[in-house]
Amino acid sequence: DSSGKSLTFVRETARTLLGLRSQRYTVTGGGNPPELFADSASGK
């Protein structure tokens, strides 16, 4: 989120949270160029 707090979800929890029928999906965001992160937003 905008305050830097992060939430991570795994496997079935992630799938059901998004209301999907399968764990085969992709997520894309719009507009800005790719950035590299070591392990978090602060490691850009």
Full PDB file with SEQRES, HELIX, SHEET, SSBOND, CRYST1, ORIGX, SCALE, CONECT and MASTER records, all heavy atoms in Angstrom:
SEQRES   1 A   44  ASP SER SER GLY LYS SER LEU THR PHE VAL ARG GLU THR          
SEQRES   2 A   44  ALA ARG THR LEU LEU GLY LEU ARG SER GLN ARG TYR THR          
SEQRES   3 A   44  VAL THR GLY GLY GLY ASN PRO PRO GLU LEU PHE ALA ASP          
SEQRES   4 A   44  SER ALA SER GLY LYS                                          
HELIX    1 AA1 ARG A   11  LEU A   17  1                                   7    
HELIX    2 AA2 ALA A   41  GLY A   43  5                                   3    
CRYST1    1.000    1.000    1.000  90.00  90.00  90.00 P 1           1          
ORIGX1      1.000000  0.000000  0.000000        0.00000                         
ORIGX2      0.000000  1.000000  0.000000        0.00000                         
ORIGX3      0.000000  0.000000  1.000000        0.00000                         
SCALE1      1.000000  0.000000  0.000000        0.00000                         
SCALE2      0.000000  1.000000  0.000000        0.00000                         
SCALE3      0.000000  0.000000  1.000000        0.00000                         
ATOM      1  N   ASP A   1       0.829  -1.200   0.000  1.00  0.00           N  
ATOM      2  CA  ASP A   1       0.000   0.000   0.000  1.00  0.00           C  
ATOM      3  C   ASP A   1       0.867   1.256   0.000  1.00  0.00           C  
ATOM      4  O   ASP A   1       2.093   1.184   0.063  1.00  0.00           O  
ATOM      5  CB  ASP A   1      -1.001  -0.021   1.154  1.00  0.00           C  
ATOM      6  CG  ASP A   1      -0.386   0.161   2.530  1.00  0.00           C  
ATOM      7  OD1 ASP A   1       0.792   0.562   2.636  1.00  0.00           O  
ATOM      8  OD2 ASP A   1      -1.096  -0.092   3.511  1.00  0.00           O  
ATOM      9  N   SER A   2       0.213   2.409  -0.082  1.00  0.00           N  
ATOM     10  CA  SER A   2       0.934   3.675  -0.210  1.00  0.00           C  
ATOM     11  C   SER A   2       1.771   4.018   1.027  1.00  0.00           C  
ATOM     12  O   SER A   2       2.696   4.823   0.933  1.00  0.00           O  
ATOM     13  CB  SER A   2      -0.047   4.809  -0.517  1.00  0.00           C  
ATOM     14  OG  SER A   2      -1.027   4.896   0.505  1.00  0.00           O  
ATOM     15  N   SER A   3       1.500   3.395   2.157  1.00  0.00           N  
ATOM     16  CA  SER A   3       2.315   3.642   3.351  1.00  0.00           C  
ATOM     17  C   SER A   3       3.516   2.702   3.435  1.00  0.00           C  
ATOM     18  O   SER A   3       4.308   2.791   4.353  1.00  0.00           O  
ATOM     19  CB  SER A   3       1.457   3.494   4.613  1.00  0.00           C  
ATOM     20  OG  SER A   3       1.084   2.138   4.800  1.00  0.00           O  
ATOM     21  N   GLY A   4       3.628   1.771   2.462  1.00  0.00           N  
ATOM     22  CA  GLY A   4       4.742   0.829   2.449  1.00  0.00           C  
ATOM     23  C   GLY A   4       4.439  -0.497   3.102  1.00  0.00           C  
ATOM     24  O   GLY A   4       5.261  -1.409   3.082  1.00  0.00           O  
ATOM     25  N   LYS A   5       3.255  -0.640   3.697  1.00  0.00           N  
ATOM     26  CA  LYS A   5       2.866  -1.904   4.321  1.00  0.00           C  
ATOM     27  C   LYS A   5       2.588  -2.933   3.233  1.00  0.00           C  
ATOM     28  O   LYS A   5       1.985  -2.622   2.210  1.00  0.00           O  
ATOM     29  CB  LYS A   5       1.620  -1.718   5.175  1.00  0.00           C  
ATOM     30  CG  LYS A   5       1.172  -2.971   5.884  1.00  0.00           C  
ATOM     31  CD  LYS A   5      -0.066  -2.749   6.719  1.00  0.00           C  
ATOM     32  CE  LYS A   5      -0.527  -4.059   7.322  1.00  0.00           C  
ATOM     33  NZ  LYS A   5      -1.791  -3.923   8.020  1.00  0.00           N  
ATOM     34  N   SER A   6       3.046  -4.161   3.463  1.00  0.00           N  
ATOM     35  CA  SER A   6       2.830  -5.195   2.456  1.00  0.00           C  
ATOM     36  C   SER A   6       2.106  -6.397   3.055  1.00  0.00           C  
ATOM     37  O   SER A   6       2.228  -6.683   4.240  1.00  0.00           O  
ATOM     38  CB  SER A   6       4.155  -5.646   1.849  1.00  0.00           C  
ATOM     39  OG  SER A   6       4.963  -6.271   2.811  1.00  0.00           O  
ATOM     40  N   LEU A   7       1.350  -7.060   2.198  1.00  0.00           N  
ATOM     41  CA  LEU A   7       0.657  -8.296   2.549  1.00  0.00           C  
ATOM     42  C   LEU A   7       0.994  -9.332   1.495  1.00  0.00           C  
ATOM     43  O   LEU A   7       0.921  -9.056   0.301  1.00  0.00           O  
ATOM     44  CB  LEU A   7      -0.854  -8.084   2.593  1.00  0.00           C  
ATOM     45  CG  LEU A   7      -1.383  -7.171   3.693  1.00  0.00           C  
ATOM     46  CD1 LEU A   7      -2.857  -6.863   3.458  1.00  0.00           C  
ATOM     47  CD2 LEU A   7      -1.196  -7.833   5.041  1.00  0.00           C  
ATOM     48  N   THR A   8       1.347 -10.524   1.934  1.00  0.00           N  
ATOM     49  CA  THR A   8       1.701 -11.611   1.038  1.00  0.00           C  
ATOM     50  C   THR A   8       0.717 -12.754   1.232  1.00  0.00           C  
ATOM     51  O   THR A   8       0.361 -13.082   2.363  1.00  0.00           O  
ATOM     52  CB  THR A   8       3.134 -12.102   1.333  1.00  0.00           C  
ATOM     53  OG1 THR A   8       4.031 -10.988   1.186  1.00  0.00           O  
ATOM     54  CG2 THR A   8       3.547 -13.210   0.384  1.00  0.00           C  
ATOM     55  N   PHE A   9       0.289 -13.346   0.126  1.00  0.00           N  
ATOM     56  CA  PHE A   9      -0.627 -14.477   0.161  1.00  0.00           C  
ATOM     57  C   PHE A   9      -0.047 -15.596  -0.688  1.00  0.00           C  
ATOM     58  O   PHE A   9       0.572 -15.340  -1.712  1.00  0.00           O  
ATOM     59  CB  PHE A   9      -2.012 -14.082  -0.376  1.00  0.00           C  
ATOM     60  CG  PHE A   9      -2.654 -12.992   0.422  1.00  0.00           C  
ATOM     61  CD1 PHE A   9      -2.482 -11.669   0.062  1.00  0.00           C  
ATOM     62  CD2 PHE A   9      -3.406 -13.287   1.544  1.00  0.00           C  
ATOM     63  CE1 PHE A   9      -3.064 -10.649   0.796  1.00  0.00           C  
ATOM     64  CE2 PHE A   9      -3.989 -12.287   2.291  1.00  0.00           C  
ATOM     65  CZ  PHE A   9      -3.817 -10.956   1.919  1.00  0.00           C  
ATOM     66  N   VAL A  10      -0.262 -16.849  -0.277  1.00  0.00           N  
ATOM     67  CA  VAL A  10       0.301 -17.985  -1.000  1.00  0.00           C  
ATOM     68  C   VAL A  10      -0.790 -18.933  -1.485  1.00  0.00           C  
ATOM     69  O   VAL A  10      -1.887 -18.980  -0.925  1.00  0.00           O  
ATOM     70  CB  VAL A  10       1.330 -18.770  -0.144  1.00  0.00           C  
ATOM     71  CG1 VAL A  10       2.523 -17.907   0.197  1.00  0.00           C  
ATOM     72  CG2 VAL A  10       0.697 -19.326   1.106  1.00  0.00           C  
ATOM     73  N   ARG A  11      -0.467 -19.652  -2.524  1.00  0.00           N  
ATOM     74  CA  ARG A  11      -1.245 -20.737  -3.114  1.00  0.00           C  
ATOM     75  C   ARG A  11      -2.741 -20.485  -3.150  1.00  0.00           C  
ATOM     76  O   ARG A  11      -3.218 -19.530  -3.727  1.00  0.00           O  
ATOM     77  CB  ARG A  11      -0.924 -22.046  -2.410  1.00  0.00           C  
ATOM     78  CG  ARG A  11       0.530 -22.412  -2.547  1.00  0.00           C  
ATOM     79  CD  ARG A  11       0.792 -23.730  -1.902  1.00  0.00           C  
ATOM     80  NE  ARG A  11       2.221 -23.972  -1.916  1.00  0.00           N  
ATOM     81  CZ  ARG A  11       2.748 -25.157  -1.969  1.00  0.00           C  
ATOM     82  NH1 ARG A  11       1.988 -26.217  -1.999  1.00  0.00           N  
ATOM     83  NH2 ARG A  11       4.037 -25.294  -1.982  1.00  0.00           N  
ATOM     84  N   GLU A  12      -3.502 -21.386  -2.532  1.00  0.00           N  
ATOM     85  CA  GLU A  12      -4.965 -21.333  -2.575  1.00  0.00           C  
ATOM     86  C   GLU A  12      -5.516 -20.054  -1.946  1.00  0.00           C  
ATOM     87  O   GLU A  12      -6.530 -19.526  -2.396  1.00  0.00           O  
ATOM     88  CB  GLU A  12      -5.579 -22.550  -1.874  1.00  0.00           C  
ATOM     89  CG  GLU A  12      -5.495 -23.820  -2.683  1.00  0.00           C  
ATOM     90  CD  GLU A  12      -6.307 -23.746  -3.966  1.00  0.00           C  
ATOM     91  OE1 GLU A  12      -7.500 -23.394  -3.930  1.00  0.00           O  
ATOM     92  OE2 GLU A  12      -5.737 -24.036  -5.028  1.00  0.00           O  
ATOM     93  N   THR A  13      -4.856 -19.548  -0.915  1.00  0.00           N  
ATOM     94  CA  THR A  13      -5.324 -18.318  -0.280  1.00  0.00           C  
ATOM     95  C   THR A  13      -5.283 -17.167  -1.283  1.00  0.00           C  
ATOM     96  O   THR A  13      -6.222 -16.373  -1.368  1.00  0.00           O  
ATOM     97  CB  THR A  13      -4.459 -17.974   0.953  1.00  0.00           C  
ATOM     98  OG1 THR A  13      -4.458 -19.095   1.830  1.00  0.00           O  
ATOM     99  CG2 THR A  13      -4.981 -16.758   1.673  1.00  0.00           C  
ATOM    100  N   ALA A  14      -4.209 -17.085  -2.053  1.00  0.00           N  
ATOM    101  CA  ALA A  14      -4.096 -16.043  -3.075  1.00  0.00           C  
ATOM    102  C   ALA A  14      -5.166 -16.210  -4.143  1.00  0.00           C  
ATOM    103  O   ALA A  14      -5.822 -15.246  -4.545  1.00  0.00           O  
ATOM    104  CB  ALA A  14      -2.704 -16.089  -3.710  1.00  0.00           C  
ATOM    105  N   ARG A  15      -5.370 -17.429  -4.589  1.00  0.00           N  
ATOM    106  CA  ARG A  15      -6.362 -17.707  -5.637  1.00  0.00           C  
ATOM    107  C   ARG A  15      -7.766 -17.342  -5.171  1.00  0.00           C  
ATOM    108  O   ARG A  15      -8.510 -16.652  -5.870  1.00  0.00           O  
ATOM    109  CB  ARG A  15      -6.309 -19.180  -6.038  1.00  0.00           C  
ATOM    110  CG  ARG A  15      -7.316 -19.545  -7.116  1.00  0.00           C  
ATOM    111  CD  ARG A  15      -7.406 -21.047  -7.297  1.00  0.00           C  
ATOM    112  NE  ARG A  15      -7.982 -21.737  -6.165  1.00  0.00           N  
ATOM    113  CZ  ARG A  15      -9.285 -21.774  -5.871  1.00  0.00           C  
ATOM    114  NH1 ARG A  15     -10.154 -21.149  -6.620  1.00  0.00           N  
ATOM    115  NH2 ARG A  15      -9.719 -22.461  -4.831  1.00  0.00           N  
ATOM    116  N   THR A  16      -8.143 -17.788  -3.985  1.00  0.00           N  
ATOM    117  CA  THR A  16      -9.500 -17.535  -3.506  1.00  0.00           C  
ATOM    118  C   THR A  16      -9.703 -16.066  -3.156  1.00  0.00           C  
ATOM    119  O   THR A  16     -10.791 -15.532  -3.348  1.00  0.00           O  
ATOM    120  CB  THR A  16      -9.857 -18.434  -2.306  1.00  0.00           C  
ATOM    121  OG1 THR A  16      -8.883 -18.261  -1.281  1.00  0.00           O  
ATOM    122  CG2 THR A  16      -9.905 -19.884  -2.705  1.00  0.00           C  
ATOM    123  N   LEU A  17      -8.674 -15.390  -2.666  1.00  0.00           N  
ATOM    124  CA  LEU A  17      -8.755 -13.965  -2.390  1.00  0.00           C  
ATOM    125  C   LEU A  17      -9.127 -13.194  -3.658  1.00  0.00           C  
ATOM    126  O   LEU A  17      -9.923 -12.262  -3.623  1.00  0.00           O  
ATOM    127  CB  LEU A  17      -7.421 -13.453  -1.854  1.00  0.00           C  
ATOM    128  CG  LEU A  17      -7.308 -11.949  -1.652  1.00  0.00           C  
ATOM    129  CD1 LEU A  17      -8.051 -11.542  -0.389  1.00  0.00           C  
ATOM    130  CD2 LEU A  17      -5.859 -11.530  -1.560  1.00  0.00           C  
ATOM    131  N   LEU A  18      -8.586 -13.619  -4.790  1.00  0.00           N  
ATOM    132  CA  LEU A  18      -8.854 -12.955  -6.062  1.00  0.00           C  
ATOM    133  C   LEU A  18     -10.113 -13.484  -6.753  1.00  0.00           C  
ATOM    134  O   LEU A  18     -10.510 -12.977  -7.796  1.00  0.00           O  
ATOM    135  CB  LEU A  18      -7.651 -13.125  -7.001  1.00  0.00           C  
ATOM    136  CG  LEU A  18      -6.351 -12.488  -6.508  1.00  0.00           C  
ATOM    137  CD1 LEU A  18      -5.190 -12.873  -7.407  1.00  0.00           C  
ATOM    138  CD2 LEU A  18      -6.493 -10.978  -6.408  1.00  0.00           C  
ATOM    139  N   GLY A  19     -10.723 -14.523  -6.183  1.00  0.00           N  
ATOM    140  CA  GLY A  19     -11.942 -15.082  -6.763  1.00  0.00           C  
ATOM    141  C   GLY A  19     -11.702 -15.836  -8.057  1.00  0.00           C  
ATOM    142  O   GLY A  19     -12.569 -15.870  -8.933  1.00  0.00           O  
ATOM    143  N   LEU A  20     -10.546 -16.475  -8.168  1.00  0.00           N  
ATOM    144  CA  LEU A  20     -10.191 -17.192  -9.392  1.00  0.00           C  
ATOM    145  C   LEU A  20     -10.450 -18.685  -9.258  1.00  0.00           C  
ATOM    146  O   LEU A  20     -10.470 -19.219  -8.153  1.00  0.00           O  
ATOM    147  CB  LEU A  20      -8.716 -16.957  -9.725  1.00  0.00           C  
ATOM    148  CG  LEU A  20      -8.325 -15.497  -9.933  1.00  0.00           C  
ATOM    149  CD1 LEU A  20      -6.826 -15.374 -10.086  1.00  0.00           C  
ATOM    150  CD2 LEU A  20      -9.049 -14.908 -11.128  1.00  0.00           C  
ATOM    151  N   ARG A  21     -10.602 -19.359 -10.387  1.00  0.00           N  
ATOM    152  CA  ARG A  21     -10.854 -20.804 -10.398  1.00  0.00           C  
ATOM    153  C   ARG A  21      -9.580 -21.622 -10.508  1.00  0.00           C  
ATOM    154  O   ARG A  21      -9.605 -22.828 -10.360  1.00  0.00           O  
ATOM    155  CB  ARG A  21     -11.778 -21.152 -11.561  1.00  0.00           C  
ATOM    156  CG  ARG A  21     -13.136 -20.537 -11.427  1.00  0.00           C  
ATOM    157  CD  ARG A  21     -13.995 -20.902 -12.597  1.00  0.00           C  
ATOM    158  NE  ARG A  21     -15.319 -20.349 -12.435  1.00  0.00           N  
ATOM    159  CZ  ARG A  21     -16.202 -20.252 -13.386  1.00  0.00           C  
ATOM    160  NH1 ARG A  21     -15.918 -20.684 -14.596  1.00  0.00           N  
ATOM    161  NH2 ARG A  21     -17.379 -19.733 -13.164  1.00  0.00           N  
ATOM    162  N   SER A  22      -8.480 -20.986 -10.831  1.00  0.00           N  
ATOM    163  CA  SER A  22      -7.228 -21.695 -11.039  1.00  0.00           C  
ATOM    164  C   SER A  22      -6.071 -20.874 -10.482  1.00  0.00           C  
ATOM    165  O   SER A  22      -6.163 -19.658 -10.360  1.00  0.00           O  
ATOM    166  CB  SER A  22      -7.019 -21.929 -12.541  1.00  0.00           C  
ATOM    167  OG  SER A  22      -5.722 -22.431 -12.801  1.00  0.00           O  
ATOM    168  N   GLN A  23      -4.977 -21.542 -10.175  1.00  0.00           N  
ATOM    169  CA  GLN A  23      -3.764 -20.868  -9.740  1.00  0.00           C  
ATOM    170  C   GLN A  23      -2.888 -20.474 -10.919  1.00  0.00           C  
ATOM    171  O   GLN A  23      -1.770 -20.004 -10.735  1.00  0.00           O  
ATOM    172  CB  GLN A  23      -2.984 -21.762  -8.780  1.00  0.00           C  
ATOM    173  CG  GLN A  23      -3.636 -21.842  -7.424  1.00  0.00           C  
ATOM    174  CD  GLN A  23      -2.910 -22.736  -6.474  1.00  0.00           C  
ATOM    175  OE1 GLN A  23      -3.513 -23.592  -5.876  1.00  0.00           O  
ATOM    176  NE2 GLN A  23      -1.617 -22.572  -6.324  1.00  0.00           N  
ATOM    177  N   ARG A  24      -3.381 -20.631 -12.121  1.00  0.00           N  
ATOM    178  CA  ARG A  24      -2.622 -20.253 -13.316  1.00  0.00           C  
ATOM    179  C   ARG A  24      -3.142 -18.891 -13.774  1.00  0.00           C  
ATOM    180  O   ARG A  24      -4.149 -18.780 -14.436  1.00  0.00           O  
ATOM    181  CB  ARG A  24      -2.773 -21.288 -14.427  1.00  0.00           C  
ATOM    182  CG  ARG A  24      -1.846 -20.974 -15.605  1.00  0.00           C  
ATOM    183  CD  ARG A  24      -1.925 -21.989 -16.713  1.00  0.00           C  
ATOM    184  NE  ARG A  24      -1.046 -23.106 -16.733  1.00  0.00           N  
ATOM    185  CZ  ARG A  24       0.269 -23.122 -16.570  1.00  0.00           C  
ATOM    186  NH1 ARG A  24       0.896 -22.044 -16.276  1.00  0.00           N  
ATOM    187  NH2 ARG A  24       0.960 -24.222 -16.670  1.00  0.00           N  
ATOM    188  N   TYR A  25      -2.397 -17.828 -13.394  1.00  0.00           N  
ATOM    189  CA  TYR A  25      -2.780 -16.478 -13.784  1.00  0.00           C  
ATOM    190  C   TYR A  25      -1.557 -15.567 -13.753  1.00  0.00           C  
ATOM    191  O   TYR A  25      -0.498 -15.935 -13.237  1.00  0.00           O  
ATOM    192  CB  TYR A  25      -3.884 -15.924 -12.879  1.00  0.00           C  
ATOM    193  CG  TYR A  25      -3.558 -15.864 -11.409  1.00  0.00           C  
ATOM    194  CD1 TYR A  25      -3.003 -14.727 -10.839  1.00  0.00           C  
ATOM    195  CD2 TYR A  25      -3.817 -16.948 -10.582  1.00  0.00           C  
ATOM    196  CE1 TYR A  25      -2.710 -14.673  -9.486  1.00  0.00           C  
ATOM    197  CE2 TYR A  25      -3.540 -16.901  -9.230  1.00  0.00           C  
ATOM    198  CZ  TYR A  25      -2.989 -15.760  -8.696  1.00  0.00           C  
ATOM    199  OH  TYR A  25      -2.705 -15.716  -7.351  1.00  0.00           O  
ATOM    200  N   THR A  26      -1.726 -14.402 -14.343  1.00  0.00           N  
ATOM    201  CA  THR A  26      -0.680 -13.392 -14.328  1.00  0.00           C  
ATOM    202  C   THR A  26      -1.281 -12.098 -13.802  1.00  0.00           C  
ATOM    203  O   THR A  26      -2.491 -11.891 -13.852  1.00  0.00           O  
ATOM    204  CB  THR A  26      -0.100 -13.132 -15.732  1.00  0.00           C  
ATOM    205  OG1 THR A  26      -1.160 -12.703 -16.597  1.00  0.00           O  
ATOM    206  CG2 THR A  26       0.564 -14.374 -16.295  1.00  0.00           C  
ATOM    207  N   VAL A  27      -0.426 -11.230 -13.310  1.00  0.00           N  
ATOM    208  CA  VAL A  27      -0.841  -9.917 -12.835  1.00  0.00           C  
ATOM    209  C   VAL A  27       0.005  -8.893 -13.552  1.00  0.00           C  
ATOM    210  O   VAL A  27       1.232  -9.003 -13.589  1.00  0.00           O  
ATOM    211  CB  VAL A  27      -0.635  -9.780 -11.306  1.00  0.00           C  
ATOM    212  CG1 VAL A  27      -0.978  -8.373 -10.840  1.00  0.00           C  
ATOM    213  CG2 VAL A  27      -1.434 -10.823 -10.553  1.00  0.00           C  
ATOM    214  N   THR A  28      -0.645  -7.904 -14.146  1.00  0.00           N  
ATOM    215  CA  THR A  28       0.084  -6.809 -14.778  1.00  0.00           C  
ATOM    216  C   THR A  28      -0.455  -5.500 -14.249  1.00  0.00           C  
ATOM    217  O   THR A  28      -1.611  -5.394 -13.869  1.00  0.00           O  
ATOM    218  CB  THR A  28      -0.044  -6.843 -16.314  1.00  0.00           C  
ATOM    219  OG1 THR A  28      -1.427  -6.854 -16.664  1.00  0.00           O  
ATOM    220  CG2 THR A  28       0.641  -8.065 -16.898  1.00  0.00           C  
ATOM    221  N   GLY A  29       0.401  -4.522 -14.208  1.00  0.00           N  
ATOM    222  CA  GLY A  29       0.012  -3.181 -13.792  1.00  0.00           C  
ATOM    223  C   GLY A  29       0.246  -2.243 -14.950  1.00  0.00           C  
ATOM    224  O   GLY A  29       0.932  -2.585 -15.905  1.00  0.00           O  
ATOM    225  N   GLY A  30      -0.292  -1.074 -14.853  1.00  0.00           N  
ATOM    226  CA  GLY A  30      -0.214  -0.195 -16.009  1.00  0.00           C  
ATOM    227  C   GLY A  30       0.723   0.971 -15.840  1.00  0.00           C  
ATOM    228  O   GLY A  30       0.993   1.425 -14.756  1.00  0.00           O  
ATOM    229  N   GLY A  31       1.237   1.393 -16.944  1.00  0.00           N  
ATOM    230  CA  GLY A  31       1.814   2.709 -17.049  1.00  0.00           C  
ATOM    231  C   GLY A  31       3.285   2.911 -16.835  1.00  0.00           C  
ATOM    232  O   GLY A  31       3.909   3.541 -17.652  1.00  0.00           O  
ATOM    233  N   ASN A  32       3.868   2.446 -15.807  1.00  0.00           N  
ATOM    234  CA  ASN A  32       5.234   2.832 -15.489  1.00  0.00           C  
ATOM    235  C   ASN A  32       6.237   1.760 -15.888  1.00  0.00           C  
ATOM    236  O   ASN A  32       5.906   0.591 -15.984  1.00  0.00           O  
ATOM    237  CB  ASN A  32       5.344   3.140 -13.998  1.00  0.00           C  
ATOM    238  CG  ASN A  32       4.436   4.292 -13.610  1.00  0.00           C  
ATOM    239  OD1 ASN A  32       4.363   5.271 -14.330  1.00  0.00           O  
ATOM    240  ND2 ASN A  32       3.731   4.160 -12.507  1.00  0.00           N  
ATOM    241  N   PRO A  33       7.495   2.135 -16.092  1.00  0.00           N  
ATOM    242  CA  PRO A  33       8.503   1.175 -16.557  1.00  0.00           C  
ATOM    243  C   PRO A  33       8.874   0.151 -15.498  1.00  0.00           C  
ATOM    244  O   PRO A  33       8.650   0.375 -14.310  1.00  0.00           O  
ATOM    245  CB  PRO A  33       9.711   2.061 -16.889  1.00  0.00           C  
ATOM    246  CG  PRO A  33       9.534   3.262 -16.032  1.00  0.00           C  
ATOM    247  CD  PRO A  33       8.048   3.475 -15.900  1.00  0.00           C  
ATOM    248  N   PRO A  34       9.475  -0.980 -15.921  1.00  0.00           N  
ATOM    249  CA  PRO A  34       9.883  -2.002 -14.957  1.00  0.00           C  
ATOM    250  C   PRO A  34      10.937  -1.468 -13.995  1.00  0.00           C  
ATOM    251  O   PRO A  34      11.745  -0.638 -14.354  1.00  0.00           O  
ATOM    252  CB  PRO A  34      10.483  -3.112 -15.830  1.00  0.00           C  
ATOM    253  CG  PRO A  34      10.057  -2.808 -17.203  1.00  0.00           C  
ATOM    254  CD  PRO A  34       9.777  -1.351 -17.283  1.00  0.00           C  
ATOM    255  N   GLU A  35      10.881  -1.959 -12.781  1.00  0.00           N  
ATOM    256  CA  GLU A  35      11.899  -1.634 -11.791  1.00  0.00           C  
ATOM    257  C   GLU A  35      12.409  -2.928 -11.185  1.00  0.00           C  
ATOM    258  O   GLU A  35      11.682  -3.906 -11.106  1.00  0.00           O  
ATOM    259  CB  GLU A  35      11.322  -0.722 -10.706  1.00  0.00           C  
ATOM    260  CG  GLU A  35      10.925   0.643 -11.238  1.00  0.00           C  
ATOM    261  CD  GLU A  35      10.512   1.609 -10.149  1.00  0.00           C  
ATOM    262  OE1 GLU A  35      10.284   1.173  -9.007  1.00  0.00           O  
ATOM    263  OE2 GLU A  35      10.420   2.805 -10.455  1.00  0.00           O  
ATOM    264  N   LEU A  36      13.652  -2.942 -10.769  1.00  0.00           N  
ATOM    265  CA  LEU A  36      14.242  -4.119 -10.141  1.00  0.00           C  
ATOM    266  C   LEU A  36      14.247  -3.933  -8.631  1.00  0.00           C  
ATOM    267  O   LEU A  36      14.579  -2.868  -8.139  1.00  0.00           O  
ATOM    268  CB  LEU A  36      15.689  -4.319 -10.608  1.00  0.00           C  
ATOM    269  CG  LEU A  36      15.892  -4.602 -12.077  1.00  0.00           C  
ATOM    270  CD1 LEU A  36      17.383  -4.752 -12.355  1.00  0.00           C  
ATOM    271  CD2 LEU A  36      15.158  -5.845 -12.491  1.00  0.00           C  
ATOM    272  N   PHE A  37      13.864  -4.984  -7.929  1.00  0.00           N  
ATOM    273  CA  PHE A  37      13.842  -4.948  -6.476  1.00  0.00           C  
ATOM    274  C   PHE A  37      14.601  -6.153  -5.948  1.00  0.00           C  
ATOM    275  O   PHE A  37      14.414  -7.257  -6.435  1.00  0.00           O  
ATOM    276  CB  PHE A  37      12.402  -4.990  -5.963  1.00  0.00           C  
ATOM    277  CG  PHE A  37      11.616  -3.768  -6.338  1.00  0.00           C  
ATOM    278  CD1 PHE A  37      11.038  -3.658  -7.584  1.00  0.00           C  
ATOM    279  CD2 PHE A  37      11.477  -2.730  -5.444  1.00  0.00           C  
ATOM    280  CE1 PHE A  37      10.322  -2.528  -7.932  1.00  0.00           C  
ATOM    281  CE2 PHE A  37      10.766  -1.603  -5.781  1.00  0.00           C  
ATOM    282  CZ  PHE A  37      10.185  -1.494  -7.032  1.00  0.00           C  
ATOM    283  N   ALA A  38      15.434  -5.950  -4.941  1.00  0.00           N  
ATOM    284  CA  ALA A  38      16.161  -7.060  -4.351  1.00  0.00           C  
ATOM    285  C   ALA A  38      15.226  -7.912  -3.515  1.00  0.00           C  
ATOM    286  O   ALA A  38      15.183  -9.112  -3.659  1.00  0.00           O  
ATOM    287  CB  ALA A  38      17.319  -6.547  -3.504  1.00  0.00           C  
ATOM    288  N   ASP A  39      14.455  -7.319  -2.636  1.00  0.00           N  
ATOM    289  CA  ASP A  39      13.512  -8.086  -1.831  1.00  0.00           C  
ATOM    290  C   ASP A  39      12.347  -7.258  -1.336  1.00  0.00           C  
ATOM    291  O   ASP A  39      11.449  -7.777  -0.714  1.00  0.00           O  
ATOM    292  CB  ASP A  39      14.201  -8.774  -0.653  1.00  0.00           C  
ATOM    293  CG  ASP A  39      14.870  -7.777   0.267  1.00  0.00           C  
ATOM    294  OD1 ASP A  39      14.717  -6.562   0.076  1.00  0.00           O  
ATOM    295  OD2 ASP A  39      15.544  -8.229   1.194  1.00  0.00           O  
ATOM    296  N   SER A  40      12.350  -5.951  -1.573  1.00  0.00           N  
ATOM    297  CA  SER A  40      11.265  -5.103  -1.107  1.00  0.00           C  
ATOM    298  C   SER A  40      11.300  -3.794  -1.873  1.00  0.00           C  
ATOM    299  O   SER A  40      12.226  -3.523  -2.631  1.00  0.00           O  
ATOM    300  CB  SER A  40      11.420  -4.818   0.384  1.00  0.00           C  
ATOM    301  OG  SER A  40      12.549  -3.992   0.588  1.00  0.00           O  
ATOM    302  N   ALA A  41      10.299  -2.981  -1.663  1.00  0.00           N  
ATOM    303  CA  ALA A  41      10.244  -1.686  -2.339  1.00  0.00           C  
ATOM    304  C   ALA A  41      11.435  -0.813  -1.962  1.00  0.00           C  
ATOM    305  O   ALA A  41      11.879   0.013  -2.740  1.00  0.00           O  
ATOM    306  CB  ALA A  41       8.937  -0.981  -2.002  1.00  0.00           C  
ATOM    307  N   SER A  42      11.995  -1.012  -0.779  1.00  0.00           N  
ATOM    308  CA  SER A  42      13.126  -0.192  -0.363  1.00  0.00           C  
ATOM    309  C   SER A  42      14.437  -0.644  -0.999  1.00  0.00           C  
ATOM    310  O   SER A  42      15.429   0.062  -0.928  1.00  0.00           O  
ATOM    311  CB  SER A  42      13.253  -0.208   1.157  1.00  0.00           C  
ATOM    312  OG  SER A  42      13.534  -1.521   1.595  1.00  0.00           O  
ATOM    313  N   GLY A  43      14.456  -1.807  -1.614  1.00  0.00           N  
ATOM    314  CA  GLY A  43      15.685  -2.313  -2.226  1.00  0.00           C  
ATOM    315  C   GLY A  43      15.737  -2.062  -3.717  1.00  0.00           C  
ATOM    316  O   GLY A  43      16.283  -2.856  -4.464  1.00  0.00           O  
ATOM    317  N   LYS A  44      15.170  -0.941  -4.198  1.00  0.00           N  
ATOM    318  CA  LYS A  44      15.068  -0.658  -5.631  1.00  0.00           C  
ATOM    319  C   LYS A  44      16.447  -0.512  -6.269  1.00  0.00           C  
ATOM    320  O   LYS A  44      17.304   0.200  -5.775  1.00  0.00           O  
ATOM    321  CB  LYS A  44      14.245   0.604  -5.835  1.00  0.00           C  
ATOM    322  CG  LYS A  44      13.932   0.876  -7.284  1.00  0.00           C  
ATOM    323  CD  LYS A  44      12.883   1.957  -7.439  1.00  0.00           C  
ATOM    324  CE  LYS A  44      13.459   3.316  -7.248  1.00  0.00           C  
ATOM    325  NZ  LYS A  44      12.549   4.385  -7.668  1.00  0.00           N  
TER     326      LYS A  44                                                      
MASTER        0    0    0    2    0    0    0    6  325    1    0    4          
END                                                                             
